[in-house]
PDB file of all heavy atoms in Angstrom:
ATOM      1  N   ALA A   1       3.038  -7.055   8.812  1.00  0.00           N
ATOM      2  CA  ALA A   1       3.366  -6.464  10.088  1.00  0.00           C
ATOM      3  C   ALA A   1       3.809  -4.915   9.893  1.00  0.00           C
ATOM      4  O   ALA A   1       3.536  -4.160  10.786  1.00  0.00           O
ATOM      5  CB  ALA A   1       4.449  -7.202  10.819  1.00  0.00           C
ATOM      6  N   GLY A   2       4.463  -4.648   8.787  1.00  0.00           N
ATOM      7  CA  GLY A   2       4.930  -3.245   8.574  1.00  0.00           C
ATOM      8  C   GLY A   2       3.919  -2.273   8.296  1.00  0.00           C
ATOM      9  O   GLY A   2       4.113  -0.977   8.286  1.00  0.00           O
ATOM     10  N   LEU A   3       2.688  -2.756   7.933  1.00  0.00           N
ATOM     11  CA  LEU A   3       1.612  -1.789   7.595  1.00  0.00           C
ATOM     12  C   LEU A   3       0.544  -1.726   8.724  1.00  0.00           C
ATOM     13  O   LEU A   3      -0.385  -0.951   8.660  1.00  0.00           O
ATOM     14  CB  LEU A   3       0.869  -2.230   6.279  1.00  0.00           C
ATOM     15  CG  LEU A   3       1.775  -2.183   5.088  1.00  0.00           C
ATOM     16  CD1 LEU A   3       0.884  -2.568   3.801  1.00  0.00           C
ATOM     17  CD2 LEU A   3       2.522  -0.883   4.838  1.00  0.00           C
ATOM     18  N   ASP A   4       0.744  -2.458   9.694  1.00  0.00           N
ATOM     19  CA  ASP A   4      -0.181  -2.625  10.863  1.00  0.00           C
ATOM     20  C   ASP A   4       0.001  -1.499  11.863  1.00  0.00           C
ATOM     21  O   ASP A   4       0.324  -1.754  13.117  1.00  0.00           O
ATOM     22  CB  ASP A   4       0.075  -3.992  11.516  1.00  0.00           C
ATOM     23  CG  ASP A   4      -1.166  -4.448  12.292  1.00  0.00           C
ATOM     24  OD1 ASP A   4      -2.146  -3.652  12.369  1.00  0.00           O
ATOM     25  OD2 ASP A   4      -1.141  -5.571  12.839  1.00  0.00           O
ATOM     26  N   TYR A   5      -0.316  -0.259  11.435  1.00  0.00           N
ATOM     27  CA  TYR A   5      -0.100   0.917  12.331  1.00  0.00           C
ATOM     28  C   TYR A   5      -1.360   1.765  12.224  1.00  0.00           C
ATOM     29  O   TYR A   5      -1.924   1.956  11.199  1.00  0.00           O
ATOM     30  CB  TYR A   5       1.112   1.675  11.820  1.00  0.00           C
ATOM     31  CG  TYR A   5       1.477   2.908  12.584  1.00  0.00           C
ATOM     32  CD1 TYR A   5       1.840   2.819  13.911  1.00  0.00           C
ATOM     33  CD2 TYR A   5       1.494   4.162  12.110  1.00  0.00           C
ATOM     34  CE1 TYR A   5       2.123   3.984  14.742  1.00  0.00           C
ATOM     35  CE2 TYR A   5       1.760   5.299  12.808  1.00  0.00           C
ATOM     36  CZ  TYR A   5       2.111   5.212  14.061  1.00  0.00           C
ATOM     37  OH  TYR A   5       2.432   6.353  14.780  1.00  0.00           O
ATOM     38  N   PRO A   6      -1.780   2.300  13.366  1.00  0.00           N
ATOM     39  CA  PRO A   6      -3.149   3.098  13.399  1.00  0.00           C
ATOM     40  C   PRO A   6      -3.000   4.457  12.995  1.00  0.00           C
ATOM     41  O   PRO A   6      -4.051   5.182  13.121  1.00  0.00           O
ATOM     42  CB  PRO A   6      -3.617   2.844  14.862  1.00  0.00           C
ATOM     43  CG  PRO A   6      -2.268   2.779  15.628  1.00  0.00           C
ATOM     44  CD  PRO A   6      -1.324   2.053  14.661  1.00  0.00           C
ATOM     45  N   GLY A   7      -1.930   4.949  12.579  1.00  0.00           N
ATOM     46  CA  GLY A   7      -1.756   6.355  12.116  1.00  0.00           C
ATOM     47  C   GLY A   7      -1.007   6.381  10.799  1.00  0.00           C
ATOM     48  O   GLY A   7      -0.691   5.391  10.202  1.00  0.00           O
ATOM     49  N   VAL A   8      -0.583   7.637  10.418  1.00  0.00           N
ATOM     50  CA  VAL A   8       0.114   7.830   9.193  1.00  0.00           C
ATOM     51  C   VAL A   8       0.986   9.099   9.287  1.00  0.00           C
ATOM     52  O   VAL A   8       0.552  10.035  10.106  1.00  0.00           O
ATOM     53  CB  VAL A   8      -0.795   7.859   7.978  1.00  0.00           C
ATOM     54  CG1 VAL A   8      -1.743   9.112   8.063  1.00  0.00           C
ATOM     55  CG2 VAL A   8      -0.098   7.770   6.642  1.00  0.00           C
ATOM     56  N   GLY A   9       2.023   9.210   8.643  1.00  0.00           N
ATOM     57  CA  GLY A   9       2.884  10.372   8.785  1.00  0.00           C
ATOM     58  C   GLY A   9       2.073  11.635   8.372  1.00  0.00           C
ATOM     59  O   GLY A   9       1.264  11.612   7.454  1.00  0.00           O
ATOM     60  N   PRO A  10       2.297  12.755   8.987  1.00  0.00           N
ATOM     61  CA  PRO A  10       1.554  13.921   8.749  1.00  0.00           C
ATOM     62  C   PRO A  10       1.647  14.593   7.365  1.00  0.00           C
ATOM     63  O   PRO A  10       0.689  15.198   6.856  1.00  0.00           O
ATOM     64  CB  PRO A  10       2.006  14.887   9.818  1.00  0.00           C
ATOM     65  CG  PRO A  10       3.383  14.474  10.182  1.00  0.00           C
ATOM     66  CD  PRO A  10       3.334  12.990  10.084  1.00  0.00           C
ATOM     67  N   GLU A  11       2.778  14.302   6.698  1.00  0.00           N
ATOM     68  CA  GLU A  11       2.905  14.793   5.356  1.00  0.00           C
ATOM     69  C   GLU A  11       1.981  14.072   4.412  1.00  0.00           C
ATOM     70  O   GLU A  11       1.484  14.701   3.472  1.00  0.00           O
ATOM     71  CB  GLU A  11       4.366  14.710   4.898  1.00  0.00           C
ATOM     72  CG  GLU A  11       4.718  15.465   3.611  1.00  0.00           C
ATOM     73  CD  GLU A  11       6.055  15.840   3.407  1.00  0.00           C
ATOM     74  OE1 GLU A  11       6.980  15.176   4.121  1.00  0.00           O
ATOM     75  OE2 GLU A  11       6.493  16.501   2.451  1.00  0.00           O
ATOM     76  N   HIS A  12       1.817  12.822   4.619  1.00  0.00           N
ATOM     77  CA  HIS A  12       0.800  12.189   3.791  1.00  0.00           C
ATOM     78  C   HIS A  12      -0.574  12.750   4.017  1.00  0.00           C
ATOM     79  O   HIS A  12      -1.380  12.712   3.073  1.00  0.00           O
ATOM     80  CB  HIS A  12       0.717  10.669   4.187  1.00  0.00           C
ATOM     81  CG  HIS A  12       1.943   9.877   3.619  1.00  0.00           C
ATOM     82  ND1 HIS A  12       2.124   9.686   2.251  1.00  0.00           N
ATOM     83  CD2 HIS A  12       3.073   9.341   4.238  1.00  0.00           C
ATOM     84  CE1 HIS A  12       3.227   9.001   2.028  1.00  0.00           C
ATOM     85  NE2 HIS A  12       3.847   8.795   3.168  1.00  0.00           N
ATOM     86  N   ALA A  13      -0.961  12.916   5.221  1.00  0.00           N
ATOM     87  CA  ALA A  13      -2.271  13.658   5.496  1.00  0.00           C
ATOM     88  C   ALA A  13      -2.410  14.953   4.699  1.00  0.00           C
ATOM     89  O   ALA A  13      -3.513  15.209   4.107  1.00  0.00           O
ATOM     90  CB  ALA A  13      -2.391  13.894   7.030  1.00  0.00           C
ATOM     91  N   TRP A  14      -1.358  15.691   4.765  1.00  0.00           N
ATOM     92  CA  TRP A  14      -1.365  16.892   3.920  1.00  0.00           C
ATOM     93  C   TRP A  14      -1.456  16.698   2.403  1.00  0.00           C
ATOM     94  O   TRP A  14      -2.227  17.381   1.725  1.00  0.00           O
ATOM     95  CB  TRP A  14      -0.219  17.789   4.259  1.00  0.00           C
ATOM     96  CG  TRP A  14      -0.083  19.075   3.432  1.00  0.00           C
ATOM     97  CD1 TRP A  14       0.854  19.296   2.437  1.00  0.00           C
ATOM     98  CD2 TRP A  14      -0.917  20.130   3.225  1.00  0.00           C
ATOM     99  NE1 TRP A  14       0.673  20.491   1.791  1.00  0.00           N
ATOM    100  CE2 TRP A  14      -0.487  20.916   2.280  1.00  0.00           C
ATOM    101  CE3 TRP A  14      -2.157  20.388   3.917  1.00  0.00           C
ATOM    102  CZ2 TRP A  14      -1.093  22.234   1.943  1.00  0.00           C
ATOM    103  CZ3 TRP A  14      -2.825  21.611   3.542  1.00  0.00           C
ATOM    104  CH2 TRP A  14      -2.240  22.480   2.521  1.00  0.00           C
ATOM    105  N   LEU A  15      -0.726  15.767   2.005  1.00  0.00           N
ATOM    106  CA  LEU A  15      -0.795  15.358   0.489  1.00  0.00           C
ATOM    107  C   LEU A  15      -2.132  14.927   0.045  1.00  0.00           C
ATOM    108  O   LEU A  15      -2.655  15.249  -1.082  1.00  0.00           O
ATOM    109  CB  LEU A  15       0.349  14.345   0.175  1.00  0.00           C
ATOM    110  CG  LEU A  15       1.672  14.888   0.168  1.00  0.00           C
ATOM    111  CD1 LEU A  15       2.709  13.632  -0.048  1.00  0.00           C
ATOM    112  CD2 LEU A  15       2.052  15.937  -0.800  1.00  0.00           C
ATOM    113  N   MET A  16      -2.857  14.190   0.887  1.00  0.00           N
ATOM    114  CA  MET A  16      -4.206  13.701   0.672  1.00  0.00           C
ATOM    115  C   MET A  16      -5.150  14.861   0.654  1.00  0.00           C
ATOM    116  O   MET A  16      -5.952  15.095  -0.347  1.00  0.00           O
ATOM    117  CB  MET A  16      -4.648  12.705   1.658  1.00  0.00           C
ATOM    118  CG  MET A  16      -6.029  12.202   1.374  1.00  0.00           C
ATOM    119  SD  MET A  16      -6.702  10.881   2.348  1.00  0.00           S
ATOM    120  CE  MET A  16      -7.161  11.933   3.737  1.00  0.00           C
ATOM    121  N   ASP A  17      -5.142  15.777   1.700  1.00  0.00           N
ATOM    122  CA  ASP A  17      -5.967  16.868   1.731  1.00  0.00           C
ATOM    123  C   ASP A  17      -5.807  17.845   0.601  1.00  0.00           C
ATOM    124  O   ASP A  17      -6.818  18.432   0.132  1.00  0.00           O
ATOM    125  CB  ASP A  17      -5.922  17.597   3.062  1.00  0.00           C
ATOM    126  CG  ASP A  17      -6.629  16.769   4.226  1.00  0.00           C
ATOM    127  OD1 ASP A  17      -7.110  15.690   3.968  1.00  0.00           O
ATOM    128  OD2 ASP A  17      -6.678  17.412   5.359  1.00  0.00           O
ATOM    129  N   SER A  18      -4.609  18.141   0.209  1.00  0.00           N
ATOM    130  CA  SER A  18      -4.357  18.995  -0.872  1.00  0.00           C
ATOM    131  C   SER A  18      -4.454  18.358  -2.240  1.00  0.00           C
ATOM    132  O   SER A  18      -4.340  19.011  -3.231  1.00  0.00           O
ATOM    133  CB  SER A  18      -2.860  19.507  -0.745  1.00  0.00           C
ATOM    134  OG  SER A  18      -1.901  18.434  -0.921  1.00  0.00           O
ATOM    135  N   LYS A  19      -4.816  17.103  -2.237  1.00  0.00           N
ATOM    136  CA  LYS A  19      -5.110  16.375  -3.533  1.00  0.00           C
ATOM    137  C   LYS A  19      -3.869  16.142  -4.377  1.00  0.00           C
ATOM    138  O   LYS A  19      -4.020  15.883  -5.566  1.00  0.00           O
ATOM    139  CB  LYS A  19      -6.272  17.005  -4.274  1.00  0.00           C
ATOM    140  CG  LYS A  19      -7.541  17.030  -3.447  1.00  0.00           C
ATOM    141  CD  LYS A  19      -8.730  17.375  -4.422  1.00  0.00           C
ATOM    142  CE  LYS A  19     -10.077  17.552  -3.642  1.00  0.00           C
ATOM    143  NZ  LYS A  19     -10.100  16.849  -2.437  1.00  0.00           N
ATOM    144  N   ARG A  20      -2.681  16.378  -3.779  1.00  0.00           N
ATOM    145  CA  ARG A  20      -1.385  16.091  -4.574  1.00  0.00           C
ATOM    146  C   ARG A  20      -1.199  14.617  -4.609  1.00  0.00           C
ATOM    147  O   ARG A  20      -0.594  14.131  -5.683  1.00  0.00           O
ATOM    148  CB  ARG A  20      -0.224  16.805  -3.939  1.00  0.00           C
ATOM    149  CG  ARG A  20       1.123  16.500  -4.713  1.00  0.00           C
ATOM    150  CD  ARG A  20       0.980  17.018  -6.151  1.00  0.00           C
ATOM    151  NE  ARG A  20       2.071  16.628  -7.003  1.00  0.00           N
ATOM    152  CZ  ARG A  20       2.134  15.528  -7.782  1.00  0.00           C
ATOM    153  NH1 ARG A  20       1.093  14.704  -7.700  1.00  0.00           N
ATOM    154  NH2 ARG A  20       3.240  15.348  -8.466  1.00  0.00           N
ATOM    155  N   ALA A  21      -1.647  13.791  -3.665  1.00  0.00           N
ATOM    156  CA  ALA A  21      -1.507  12.407  -3.806  1.00  0.00           C
ATOM    157  C   ALA A  21      -2.840  11.713  -3.470  1.00  0.00           C
ATOM    158  O   ALA A  21      -3.734  12.329  -2.904  1.00  0.00           O
ATOM    159  CB  ALA A  21      -0.551  11.871  -2.782  1.00  0.00           C
ATOM    160  N   THR A  22      -2.999  10.531  -4.041  1.00  0.00           N
ATOM    161  CA  THR A  22      -4.259   9.813  -3.905  1.00  0.00           C
ATOM    162  C   THR A  22      -3.878   8.499  -3.097  1.00  0.00           C
ATOM    163  O   THR A  22      -2.887   7.981  -3.294  1.00  0.00           O
ATOM    164  CB  THR A  22      -4.824   9.296  -5.328  1.00  0.00           C
ATOM    165  OG1 THR A  22      -5.068  10.445  -6.078  1.00  0.00           O
ATOM    166  CG2 THR A  22      -6.094   8.576  -5.070  1.00  0.00           C
ATOM    167  N   TYR A  23      -4.868   8.033  -2.195  1.00  0.00           N
ATOM    168  CA  TYR A  23      -4.609   6.934  -1.323  1.00  0.00           C
ATOM    169  C   TYR A  23      -5.738   5.949  -1.528  1.00  0.00           C
ATOM    170  O   TYR A  23      -6.908   6.264  -1.566  1.00  0.00           O
ATOM    171  CB  TYR A  23      -4.438   7.400   0.044  1.00  0.00           C
ATOM    172  CG  TYR A  23      -3.239   8.262   0.301  1.00  0.00           C
ATOM    173  CD1 TYR A  23      -3.286   9.645   0.027  1.00  0.00           C
ATOM    174  CD2 TYR A  23      -1.967   7.700   0.659  1.00  0.00           C
ATOM    175  CE1 TYR A  23      -2.133  10.349   0.207  1.00  0.00           C
ATOM    176  CE2 TYR A  23      -0.826   8.518   0.807  1.00  0.00           C
ATOM    177  CZ  TYR A  23      -0.969   9.905   0.490  1.00  0.00           C
ATOM    178  OH  TYR A  23       0.148  10.611   0.675  1.00  0.00           O
ATOM    179  N   VAL A  24      -5.286   4.616  -1.804  1.00  0.00           N
ATOM    180  CA  VAL A  24      -6.150   3.612  -1.952  1.00  0.00           C
ATOM    181  C   VAL A  24      -5.970   2.478  -1.025  1.00  0.00           C
ATOM    182  O   VAL A  24      -4.941   2.351  -0.319  1.00  0.00           O
ATOM    183  CB  VAL A  24      -6.137   3.119  -3.531  1.00  0.00           C
ATOM    184  CG1 VAL A  24      -6.442   4.212  -4.406  1.00  0.00           C
ATOM    185  CG2 VAL A  24      -4.743   2.463  -3.711  1.00  0.00           C
ATOM    186  N   GLY A  25      -6.803   1.454  -1.026  1.00  0.00           N
ATOM    187  CA  GLY A  25      -6.632   0.280  -0.207  1.00  0.00           C
ATOM    188  C   GLY A  25      -6.439  -1.017  -0.925  1.00  0.00           C
ATOM    189  O   GLY A  25      -7.147  -1.110  -1.991  1.00  0.00           O
ATOM    190  N   ILE A  26      -5.687  -1.886  -0.466  1.00  0.00           N
ATOM    191  CA  ILE A  26      -5.485  -3.298  -0.997  1.00  0.00           C
ATOM    192  C   ILE A  26      -5.679  -4.264   0.133  1.00  0.00           C
ATOM    193  O   ILE A  26      -5.055  -4.090   1.149  1.00  0.00           O
ATOM    194  CB  ILE A  26      -4.078  -3.425  -1.681  1.00  0.00           C
ATOM    195  CG1 ILE A  26      -4.032  -2.614  -3.033  1.00  0.00           C
ATOM    196  CG2 ILE A  26      -3.724  -4.791  -1.938  1.00  0.00           C
ATOM    197  CD1 ILE A  26      -4.898  -3.239  -4.130  1.00  0.00           C
ATOM    198  N   THR A  27      -6.442  -5.293  -0.143  1.00  0.00           N
ATOM    199  CA  THR A  27      -6.706  -6.233   0.835  1.00  0.00           C
ATOM    200  C   THR A  27      -5.534  -7.254   0.998  1.00  0.00           C
ATOM    201  O   THR A  27      -4.755  -7.393   0.253  1.00  0.00           O
ATOM    202  CB  THR A  27      -8.024  -6.979   0.632  1.00  0.00           C
ATOM    203  OG1 THR A  27      -7.819  -7.876  -0.591  1.00  0.00           O
ATOM    204  CG2 THR A  27      -9.154  -6.119   0.411  1.00  0.00           C
ATOM    205  N   ASP A  28      -5.622  -8.055   2.132  1.00  0.00           N
ATOM    206  CA  ASP A  28      -4.666  -9.089   2.364  1.00  0.00           C
ATOM    207  C   ASP A  28      -4.629 -10.014   1.231  1.00  0.00           C
ATOM    208  O   ASP A  28      -3.513 -10.404   0.692  1.00  0.00           O
ATOM    209  CB  ASP A  28      -5.088  -9.879   3.587  1.00  0.00           C
ATOM    210  CG  ASP A  28      -4.887  -9.107   4.930  1.00  0.00           C
ATOM    211  OD1 ASP A  28      -4.299  -8.141   4.933  1.00  0.00           O
ATOM    212  OD2 ASP A  28      -5.375  -9.582   5.960  1.00  0.00           O
ATOM    213  N   GLU A  29      -5.810 -10.431   0.746  1.00  0.00           N
ATOM    214  CA  GLU A  29      -5.836 -11.410  -0.343  1.00  0.00           C
ATOM    215  C   GLU A  29      -5.259 -10.848  -1.646  1.00  0.00           C
ATOM    216  O   GLU A  29      -4.574 -11.567  -2.422  1.00  0.00           O
ATOM    217  CB  GLU A  29      -7.294 -11.896  -0.630  1.00  0.00           C
ATOM    218  CG  GLU A  29      -7.868 -12.707   0.590  1.00  0.00           C
ATOM    219  CD  GLU A  29      -7.065 -13.897   0.927  1.00  0.00           C
ATOM    220  OE1 GLU A  29      -6.553 -14.640  -0.034  1.00  0.00           O
ATOM    221  OE2 GLU A  29      -6.798 -14.220   2.072  1.00  0.00           O
ATOM    222  N   GLU A  30      -5.561  -9.604  -1.938  1.00  0.00           N
ATOM    223  CA  GLU A  30      -5.030  -9.030  -3.114  1.00  0.00           C
ATOM    224  C   GLU A  30      -3.446  -8.889  -3.062  1.00  0.00           C
ATOM    225  O   GLU A  30      -2.781  -9.123  -4.025  1.00  0.00           O
ATOM    226  CB  GLU A  30      -5.640  -7.565  -3.392  1.00  0.00           C
ATOM    227  CG  GLU A  30      -7.063  -7.659  -3.826  1.00  0.00           C
ATOM    228  CD  GLU A  30      -7.619  -6.246  -3.762  1.00  0.00           C
ATOM    229  OE1 GLU A  30      -7.310  -5.357  -2.914  1.00  0.00           O
ATOM    230  OE2 GLU A  30      -8.461  -5.951  -4.680  1.00  0.00           O
ATOM    231  N   ALA A  31      -2.975  -8.512  -1.883  1.00  0.00           N
ATOM    232  CA  ALA A  31      -1.547  -8.415  -1.631  1.00  0.00           C
ATOM    233  C   ALA A  31      -0.878  -9.749  -1.776  1.00  0.00           C
ATOM    234  O   ALA A  31       0.237  -9.929  -2.454  1.00  0.00           O
ATOM    235  CB  ALA A  31      -1.232  -7.823  -0.341  1.00  0.00           C
ATOM    236  N   LEU A  32      -1.531 -10.815  -1.198  1.00  0.00           N
ATOM    237  CA  LEU A  32      -0.885 -12.103  -1.273  1.00  0.00           C
ATOM    238  C   LEU A  32      -0.863 -12.730  -2.736  1.00  0.00           C
ATOM    239  O   LEU A  32       0.026 -13.354  -3.121  1.00  0.00           O
ATOM    240  CB  LEU A  32      -1.660 -13.086  -0.398  1.00  0.00           C
ATOM    241  CG  LEU A  32      -1.423 -12.981   1.132  1.00  0.00           C
ATOM    242  CD1 LEU A  32      -2.508 -13.616   1.928  1.00  0.00           C
ATOM    243  CD2 LEU A  32      -0.002 -13.482   1.446  1.00  0.00           C
ATOM    244  N   ALA A  33      -1.905 -12.377  -3.478  1.00  0.00           N
ATOM    245  CA  ALA A  33      -1.945 -12.828  -4.866  1.00  0.00           C
ATOM    246  C   ALA A  33      -0.858 -12.078  -5.649  1.00  0.00           C
ATOM    247  O   ALA A  33      -0.178 -12.791  -6.494  1.00  0.00           O
ATOM    248  CB  ALA A  33      -3.343 -12.410  -5.540  1.00  0.00           C
ATOM    249  N   ALA A  34      -0.623 -10.748  -5.405  1.00  0.00           N
ATOM    250  CA  ALA A  34       0.435 -10.089  -6.082  1.00  0.00           C
ATOM    251  C   ALA A  34       1.786 -10.568  -5.715  1.00  0.00           C
ATOM    252  O   ALA A  34       2.715 -10.707  -6.477  1.00  0.00           O
ATOM    253  CB  ALA A  34       0.298  -8.636  -5.774  1.00  0.00           C
ATOM    254  N   PHE A  35       1.887 -11.025  -4.401  1.00  0.00           N
ATOM    255  CA  PHE A  35       3.148 -11.455  -3.931  1.00  0.00           C
ATOM    256  C   PHE A  35       3.562 -12.840  -4.717  1.00  0.00           C
ATOM    257  O   PHE A  35       4.662 -12.937  -5.161  1.00  0.00           O
ATOM    258  CB  PHE A  35       2.966 -11.853  -2.430  1.00  0.00           C
ATOM    259  CG  PHE A  35       4.038 -12.646  -1.722  1.00  0.00           C
ATOM    260  CD1 PHE A  35       5.164 -12.001  -1.178  1.00  0.00           C
ATOM    261  CD2 PHE A  35       4.221 -13.987  -1.791  1.00  0.00           C
ATOM    262  CE1 PHE A  35       6.214 -12.649  -0.545  1.00  0.00           C
ATOM    263  CE2 PHE A  35       5.169 -14.770  -1.243  1.00  0.00           C
ATOM    264  CZ  PHE A  35       6.268 -14.013  -0.570  1.00  0.00           C
ATOM    265  N   HIS A  36       2.557 -13.698  -4.822  1.00  0.00           N
ATOM    266  CA  HIS A  36       2.855 -14.982  -5.551  1.00  0.00           C
ATOM    267  C   HIS A  36       3.108 -14.725  -7.045  1.00  0.00           C
ATOM    268  O   HIS A  36       4.009 -15.383  -7.644  1.00  0.00           O
ATOM    269  CB  HIS A  36       1.707 -16.008  -5.316  1.00  0.00           C
ATOM    270  CG  HIS A  36       1.609 -16.510  -3.951  1.00  0.00           C
ATOM    271  ND1 HIS A  36       2.560 -17.366  -3.414  1.00  0.00           N
ATOM    272  CD2 HIS A  36       0.639 -16.360  -2.908  1.00  0.00           C
ATOM    273  CE1 HIS A  36       2.260 -17.680  -2.176  1.00  0.00           C
ATOM    274  NE2 HIS A  36       1.151 -17.182  -1.919  1.00  0.00           N
ATOM    275  N   ASP A  37       2.288 -13.875  -7.625  1.00  0.00           N
ATOM    276  CA  ASP A  37       2.558 -13.574  -9.045  1.00  0.00           C
ATOM    277  C   ASP A  37       3.876 -13.010  -9.326  1.00  0.00           C
ATOM    278  O   ASP A  37       4.550 -13.237 -10.358  1.00  0.00           O
ATOM    279  CB  ASP A  37       1.411 -12.573  -9.619  1.00  0.00           C
ATOM    280  CG  ASP A  37       0.098 -13.329  -9.755  1.00  0.00           C
ATOM    281  OD1 ASP A  37       0.077 -14.599  -9.659  1.00  0.00           O
ATOM    282  OD2 ASP A  37      -0.893 -12.682  -9.881  1.00  0.00           O
ATOM    283  N   CYS A  38       4.266 -12.108  -8.454  1.00  0.00           N
ATOM    284  CA  CYS A  38       5.631 -11.380  -8.602  1.00  0.00           C
ATOM    285  C   CYS A  38       6.699 -12.432  -8.523  1.00  0.00           C
ATOM    286  O   CYS A  38       7.673 -12.434  -9.282  1.00  0.00           O
ATOM    287  CB  CYS A  38       5.834 -10.303  -7.528  1.00  0.00           C
ATOM    288  SG  CYS A  38       7.299  -9.369  -7.752  1.00  0.00           S
ATOM    289  N   CYS A  39       6.527 -13.333  -7.577  1.00  0.00           N
ATOM    290  CA  CYS A  39       7.608 -14.470  -7.409  1.00  0.00           C
ATOM    291  C   CYS A  39       7.670 -15.262  -8.705  1.00  0.00           C
ATOM    292  O   CYS A  39       8.789 -15.541  -9.259  1.00  0.00           O
ATOM    293  CB  CYS A  39       7.190 -15.409  -6.318  1.00  0.00           C
ATOM    294  SG  CYS A  39       7.255 -14.726  -4.641  1.00  0.00           S
ATOM    295  N   ARG A  40       6.509 -15.658  -9.348  1.00  0.00           N
ATOM    296  CA  ARG A  40       6.501 -16.615 -10.400  1.00  0.00           C
ATOM    297  C   ARG A  40       6.714 -15.890 -11.819  1.00  0.00           C
ATOM    298  O   ARG A  40       7.163 -16.566 -12.686  1.00  0.00           O
ATOM    299  CB  ARG A  40       5.284 -17.476 -10.298  1.00  0.00           C
ATOM    300  CG  ARG A  40       5.125 -18.280  -9.139  1.00  0.00           C
ATOM    301  CD  ARG A  40       3.768 -18.794  -8.860  1.00  0.00           C
ATOM    302  NE  ARG A  40       3.694 -19.534  -7.612  1.00  0.00           N
ATOM    303  CZ  ARG A  40       2.585 -19.971  -7.078  1.00  0.00           C
ATOM    304  NH1 ARG A  40       1.438 -19.769  -7.611  1.00  0.00           N
ATOM    305  NH2 ARG A  40       2.585 -20.670  -5.946  1.00  0.00           N
ATOM    306  N   THR A  41       6.435 -14.655 -11.882  1.00  0.00           N
ATOM    307  CA  THR A  41       6.424 -13.995 -13.116  1.00  0.00           C
ATOM    308  C   THR A  41       7.835 -13.272 -13.340  1.00  0.00           C
ATOM    309  O   THR A  41       8.363 -13.130 -14.418  1.00  0.00           O
ATOM    310  CB  THR A  41       5.321 -12.980 -13.292  1.00  0.00           C
ATOM    311  OG1 THR A  41       4.088 -13.680 -13.087  1.00  0.00           O
ATOM    312  CG2 THR A  41       5.315 -12.370 -14.709  1.00  0.00           C
ATOM    313  N   GLU A  42       8.253 -12.634 -12.302  1.00  0.00           N
ATOM    314  CA  GLU A  42       9.520 -11.851 -12.394  1.00  0.00           C
ATOM    315  C   GLU A  42      10.765 -12.401 -11.627  1.00  0.00           C
ATOM    316  O   GLU A  42      11.812 -11.818 -11.710  1.00  0.00           O
ATOM    317  CB  GLU A  42       9.275 -10.490 -11.847  1.00  0.00           C
ATOM    318  CG  GLU A  42       8.287  -9.611 -12.758  1.00  0.00           C
ATOM    319  CD  GLU A  42       8.893  -9.428 -14.209  1.00  0.00           C
ATOM    320  OE1 GLU A  42      10.015  -9.444 -14.369  1.00  0.00           O
ATOM    321  OE2 GLU A  42       7.987  -9.227 -15.081  1.00  0.00           O
ATOM    322  N   GLY A  43      10.514 -13.509 -10.789  1.00  0.00           N
ATOM    323  CA  GLY A  43      11.655 -14.095 -10.078  1.00  0.00           C
ATOM    324  C   GLY A  43      12.115 -13.156  -8.964  1.00  0.00           C
ATOM    325  O   GLY A  43      13.224 -13.254  -8.467  1.00  0.00           O
ATOM    326  N   ILE A  44      11.206 -12.290  -8.453  1.00  0.00           N
ATOM    327  CA  ILE A  44      11.400 -11.425  -7.342  1.00  0.00           C
ATOM    328  C   ILE A  44      10.474 -11.725  -6.187  1.00  0.00           C
ATOM    329  O   ILE A  44       9.198 -11.665  -6.408  1.00  0.00           O
ATOM    330  CB  ILE A  44      11.251 -10.014  -7.711  1.00  0.00           C
ATOM    331  CG1 ILE A  44      12.436  -9.632  -8.786  1.00  0.00           C
ATOM    332  CG2 ILE A  44      11.445  -9.077  -6.506  1.00  0.00           C
ATOM    333  CD1 ILE A  44      12.157  -8.279  -9.369  1.00  0.00           C
TER     334      ILE A  44
END
């Protein structure tokens, strides 16, 4: 729910355009897999 927003902060837009930061995508399934692995591997 916290990532379900149709915009992004303007400083991130500038960081991407200036190539100081890189932005990638992670799917629901990838996030859920990492969620479960983190629980079971690190106890968090």
